[in-house]
Amino acid sequence: MQLTPDWIGWLATAIFLGSYSCKDQGRLRRVQAVAAVLWMVYGVILHAVPIVVANLLVAGVAVYSSTQTMGRTRADPRRTV
């Protein structure tokens, strides 16, 4: 089976959709970052700069925010709802 741009896009979609089953906020954001990276690959293959830039930003924010939520517990007063 050949991995075409369409398959990369569908895989990114499936991973992003699956991220909504994550209970932990940090894990949710890391999974979404993986999906965003796949979307960037898809955009690079298609030479679609807006797809690349948008998902570069999404991946960056997802990774950054996932590191901010790591180590927080339910009793942590800094935790937001």
C-alpha atoms as a PDB file:
ATOM      1  CA  MET A   1       0.000   0.000   0.000  1.00  0.00           C
ATOM      2  CA  GLN A   2       1.379   3.374  -0.998  1.00  0.00           C
ATOM      3  CA  LEU A   3       1.152   6.214   1.525  1.00  0.00           C
ATOM      4  CA  THR A   4      -0.392   9.027  -0.498  1.00  0.00           C
ATOM      5  CA  PRO A   5      -1.033  12.591   0.692  1.00  0.00           C
ATOM      6  CA  ASP A   6      -4.701  11.696   1.114  1.00  0.00           C
ATOM      7  CA  TRP A   7      -3.833   8.885   3.529  1.00  0.00           C
ATOM      8  CA  ILE A   8      -1.639  11.222   5.564  1.00  0.00           C
ATOM      9  CA  GLY A   9      -4.533  13.689   5.763  1.00  0.00           C
ATOM     10  CA  TRP A  10      -6.972  10.965   6.788  1.00  0.00           C
ATOM     11  CA  LEU A  11      -4.542   9.648   9.403  1.00  0.00           C
ATOM     12  CA  ALA A  12      -4.121  13.159  10.815  1.00  0.00           C
ATOM     13  CA  THR A  13      -7.897  13.508  10.945  1.00  0.00           C
ATOM     14  CA  ALA A  14      -8.308  10.168  12.735  1.00  0.00           C
ATOM     15  CA  ILE A  15      -5.638  11.006  15.322  1.00  0.00           C
ATOM     16  CA  PHE A  16      -7.097  14.450  15.937  1.00  0.00           C
ATOM     17  CA  LEU A  17     -10.580  12.973  16.322  1.00  0.00           C
ATOM     18  CA  GLY A  18      -9.241  10.289  18.663  1.00  0.00           C
ATOM     19  CA  SER A  19      -7.639  12.962  20.830  1.00  0.00           C
ATOM     20  CA  TYR A  20     -11.075  13.880  22.135  1.00  0.00           C
ATOM     21  CA  SER A  21     -11.204  10.565  23.988  1.00  0.00           C
ATOM     22  CA  CYS A  22      -8.220  11.624  26.112  1.00  0.00           C
ATOM     23  CA  LYS A  23      -9.197  12.376  29.697  1.00  0.00           C
ATOM     24  CA  ASP A  24      -5.875  13.995  30.626  1.00  0.00           C
ATOM     25  CA  GLN A  25      -5.439  17.521  29.224  1.00  0.00           C
ATOM     26  CA  GLY A  26      -1.695  17.107  28.726  1.00  0.00           C
ATOM     27  CA  ARG A  27      -2.153  13.892  26.780  1.00  0.00           C
ATOM     28  CA  LEU A  28      -4.949  15.455  24.711  1.00  0.00           C
ATOM     29  CA  ARG A  29      -2.651  18.289  23.670  1.00  0.00           C
ATOM     30  CA  ARG A  30       0.261  15.971  22.870  1.00  0.00           C
ATOM     31  CA  VAL A  31      -1.957  13.793  20.683  1.00  0.00           C
ATOM     32  CA  GLN A  32      -3.272  16.913  18.955  1.00  0.00           C
ATOM     33  CA  ALA A  33       0.331  18.028  18.404  1.00  0.00           C
ATOM     34  CA  VAL A  34       1.054  14.717  16.656  1.00  0.00           C
ATOM     35  CA  ALA A  35      -1.976  15.231  14.426  1.00  0.00           C
ATOM     36  CA  ALA A  36      -0.831  18.782  13.650  1.00  0.00           C
ATOM     37  CA  VAL A  37       2.603  17.491  12.639  1.00  0.00           C
ATOM     38  CA  LEU A  38       0.948  15.040  10.258  1.00  0.00           C
ATOM     39  CA  TRP A  39      -1.117  17.919   8.845  1.00  0.00           C
ATOM     40  CA  MET A  40       2.135  19.843   8.338  1.00  0.00           C
ATOM     41  CA  VAL A  41       3.589  16.896   6.398  1.00  0.00           C
ATOM     42  CA  TYR A  42       0.412  16.830   4.325  1.00  0.00           C
ATOM     43  CA  GLY A  43       0.737  20.564   3.655  1.00  0.00           C
ATOM     44  CA  VAL A  44       4.398  20.262   2.681  1.00  0.00           C
ATOM     45  CA  ILE A  45       3.619  17.482   0.195  1.00  0.00           C
ATOM     46  CA  LEU A  46       0.848  19.599  -1.333  1.00  0.00           C
ATOM     47  CA  HIS A  47       2.963  22.803  -1.203  1.00  0.00           C
ATOM     48  CA  ALA A  48       0.150  24.392   0.820  1.00  0.00           C
ATOM     49  CA  VAL A  49       1.840  27.029   2.959  1.00  0.00           C
ATOM     50  CA  PRO A  50      -1.331  27.990   4.910  1.00  0.00           C
ATOM     51  CA  ILE A  51      -1.782  24.369   6.044  1.00  0.00           C
ATOM     52  CA  VAL A  52       1.859  24.172   7.117  1.00  0.00           C
ATOM     53  CA  VAL A  53       1.878  27.486   8.977  1.00  0.00           C
ATOM     54  CA  ALA A  54      -1.486  26.961  10.689  1.00  0.00           C
ATOM     55  CA  ASN A  55      -0.510  23.519  11.942  1.00  0.00           C
ATOM     56  CA  LEU A  56       2.971  24.644  12.948  1.00  0.00           C
ATOM     57  CA  LEU A  57       1.255  27.153  15.222  1.00  0.00           C
ATOM     58  CA  VAL A  58      -1.242  24.561  16.500  1.00  0.00           C
ATOM     59  CA  ALA A  59       1.516  22.024  17.208  1.00  0.00           C
ATOM     60  CA  GLY A  60       3.623  24.641  18.985  1.00  0.00           C
ATOM     61  CA  VAL A  61       0.767  25.786  21.193  1.00  0.00           C
ATOM     62  CA  ALA A  62      -0.285  22.194  21.891  1.00  0.00           C
ATOM     63  CA  VAL A  63       3.220  21.161  22.943  1.00  0.00           C
ATOM     64  CA  TYR A  64       3.723  24.298  25.041  1.00  0.00           C
ATOM     65  CA  SER A  65       0.358  23.977  26.786  1.00  0.00           C
ATOM     66  CA  SER A  66       0.889  20.264  27.412  1.00  0.00           C
ATOM     67  CA  THR A  67       4.100  21.050  29.263  1.00  0.00           C
ATOM     68  CA  GLN A  68       2.224  23.605  31.366  1.00  0.00           C
ATOM     69  CA  THR A  69      -0.339  21.012  32.486  1.00  0.00           C
ATOM     70  CA  MET A  70       2.186  18.255  33.270  1.00  0.00           C
ATOM     71  CA  GLY A  71       2.562  17.504  36.945  1.00  0.00           C
ATOM     72  CA  ARG A  72      -0.619  19.236  38.029  1.00  0.00           C
ATOM     73  CA  THR A  73      -2.986  17.242  40.173  1.00  0.00           C
ATOM     74  CA  ARG A  74      -6.636  17.700  41.038  1.00  0.00           C
ATOM     75  CA  ALA A  75      -5.605  19.293  44.331  1.00  0.00           C
ATOM     76  CA  ASP A  76      -3.316  21.785  42.570  1.00  0.00           C
ATOM     77  CA  PRO A  77      -4.705  25.291  43.211  1.00  0.00           C
ATOM     78  CA  ARG A  78      -3.212  26.570  39.937  1.00  0.00           C
ATOM     79  CA  ARG A  79      -5.381  24.213  37.944  1.00  0.00           C
ATOM     80  CA  THR A  80      -8.130  25.858  35.942  1.00  0.00           C
ATOM     81  CA  VAL A  81     -11.440  24.291  35.073  1.00  0.00           C
END
